[in-house]
């Protein structure tokens, strides 16, 4: 959610914006597999799982600092 930016057209910001508005998105979940499964089954707004993979990697890097 920290990557949200309504003014941006970058894929990571668009994903974050859409996930924020997705009432069912598991916002508190930290398990990669559970989030990935949710997105594969429910997120028509995500054009590629690669975007999620990249955003999740950024999240884990921030989380480690």
Protein backbone atom coordinates (compact mmCIF):
# COMPACT_ATOMS: atom_id res chain seq x y z
CA UNK A 1 0.00 0.00 0.00
CA UNK A 2 2.99 2.30 0.45
CA UNK A 3 3.42 2.41 -3.33
CA UNK A 4 -0.01 3.95 -3.93
CA UNK A 5 0.00 7.05 -6.08
CA UNK A 6 -3.21 8.02 -7.89
CA UNK A 7 -1.26 10.27 -10.25
CA UNK A 8 1.19 7.59 -11.39
CA UNK A 9 0.88 5.31 -14.38
CA UNK A 10 3.73 3.08 -13.19
CA UNK A 11 2.63 -0.58 -12.93
CA UNK A 12 3.56 -0.90 -9.24
CA UNK A 13 1.58 2.23 -8.30
CA UNK A 14 -1.42 1.13 -10.38
CA UNK A 15 -1.34 -2.27 -8.69
CA UNK A 16 -1.17 -0.66 -5.24
CA UNK A 17 -4.03 1.70 -6.09
CA UNK A 18 -6.20 -1.15 -7.35
CA UNK A 19 -5.38 -3.42 -4.40
CA UNK A 20 -6.29 -0.57 -2.04
CA UNK A 21 -9.72 -0.29 -3.66
CA UNK A 22 -10.21 -4.08 -3.74
CA UNK A 23 -12.35 -4.65 -0.65
CA UNK A 24 -11.42 -8.34 -0.53
CA UNK A 25 -7.67 -7.93 -0.96
CA UNK A 26 -5.89 -9.47 2.05
CA UNK A 27 -4.18 -6.23 3.10
CA UNK A 28 -2.83 -7.60 6.39
CA UNK A 29 -1.55 -10.87 4.92
CA UNK A 30 2.23 -11.22 4.72
CA UNK A 31 2.47 -14.71 3.26
CA UNK A 32 3.57 -14.52 -0.37
CA UNK A 33 1.76 -17.72 -1.39
CA UNK A 34 -1.59 -16.63 0.07
CA UNK A 35 -1.44 -13.21 -1.57
CA UNK A 36 -0.30 -14.69 -4.86
CA UNK A 37 -3.13 -17.20 -4.85
CA UNK A 38 -5.68 -14.48 -4.10
CA UNK A 39 -4.39 -12.37 -6.98
CA UNK A 40 -4.33 -15.26 -9.44
CA UNK A 41 -7.96 -16.07 -8.65
CA UNK A 42 -9.44 -12.63 -8.07
CA UNK A 43 -7.43 -9.72 -9.42
CA UNK A 44 -8.52 -8.93 -12.94
CA UNK A 45 -6.87 -5.56 -12.45
CA UNK A 46 -3.38 -7.13 -12.37
CA UNK A 47 -2.21 -7.63 -15.97
CA UNK A 48 0.83 -9.70 -14.96
CA UNK A 49 1.90 -11.56 -11.84
CA UNK A 50 5.40 -10.26 -12.54
CA UNK A 51 4.24 -6.89 -11.25
CA UNK A 52 3.20 -8.48 -7.96
CA UNK A 53 6.48 -10.39 -7.73
CA UNK A 54 8.48 -7.17 -8.16
CA UNK A 55 6.33 -5.21 -5.70
CA UNK A 56 6.54 -8.00 -3.12
CA UNK A 57 10.34 -8.09 -3.46
CA UNK A 58 10.45 -4.31 -2.83
CA UNK A 59 8.19 -4.78 0.19
CA UNK A 60 10.46 -7.47 1.65
CA UNK A 61 13.53 -5.27 1.09
CA UNK A 62 11.88 -2.38 2.94
CA UNK A 63 10.69 -4.72 5.69
CA UNK A 64 14.27 -5.93 6.31
CA UNK A 65 15.65 -2.42 6.85
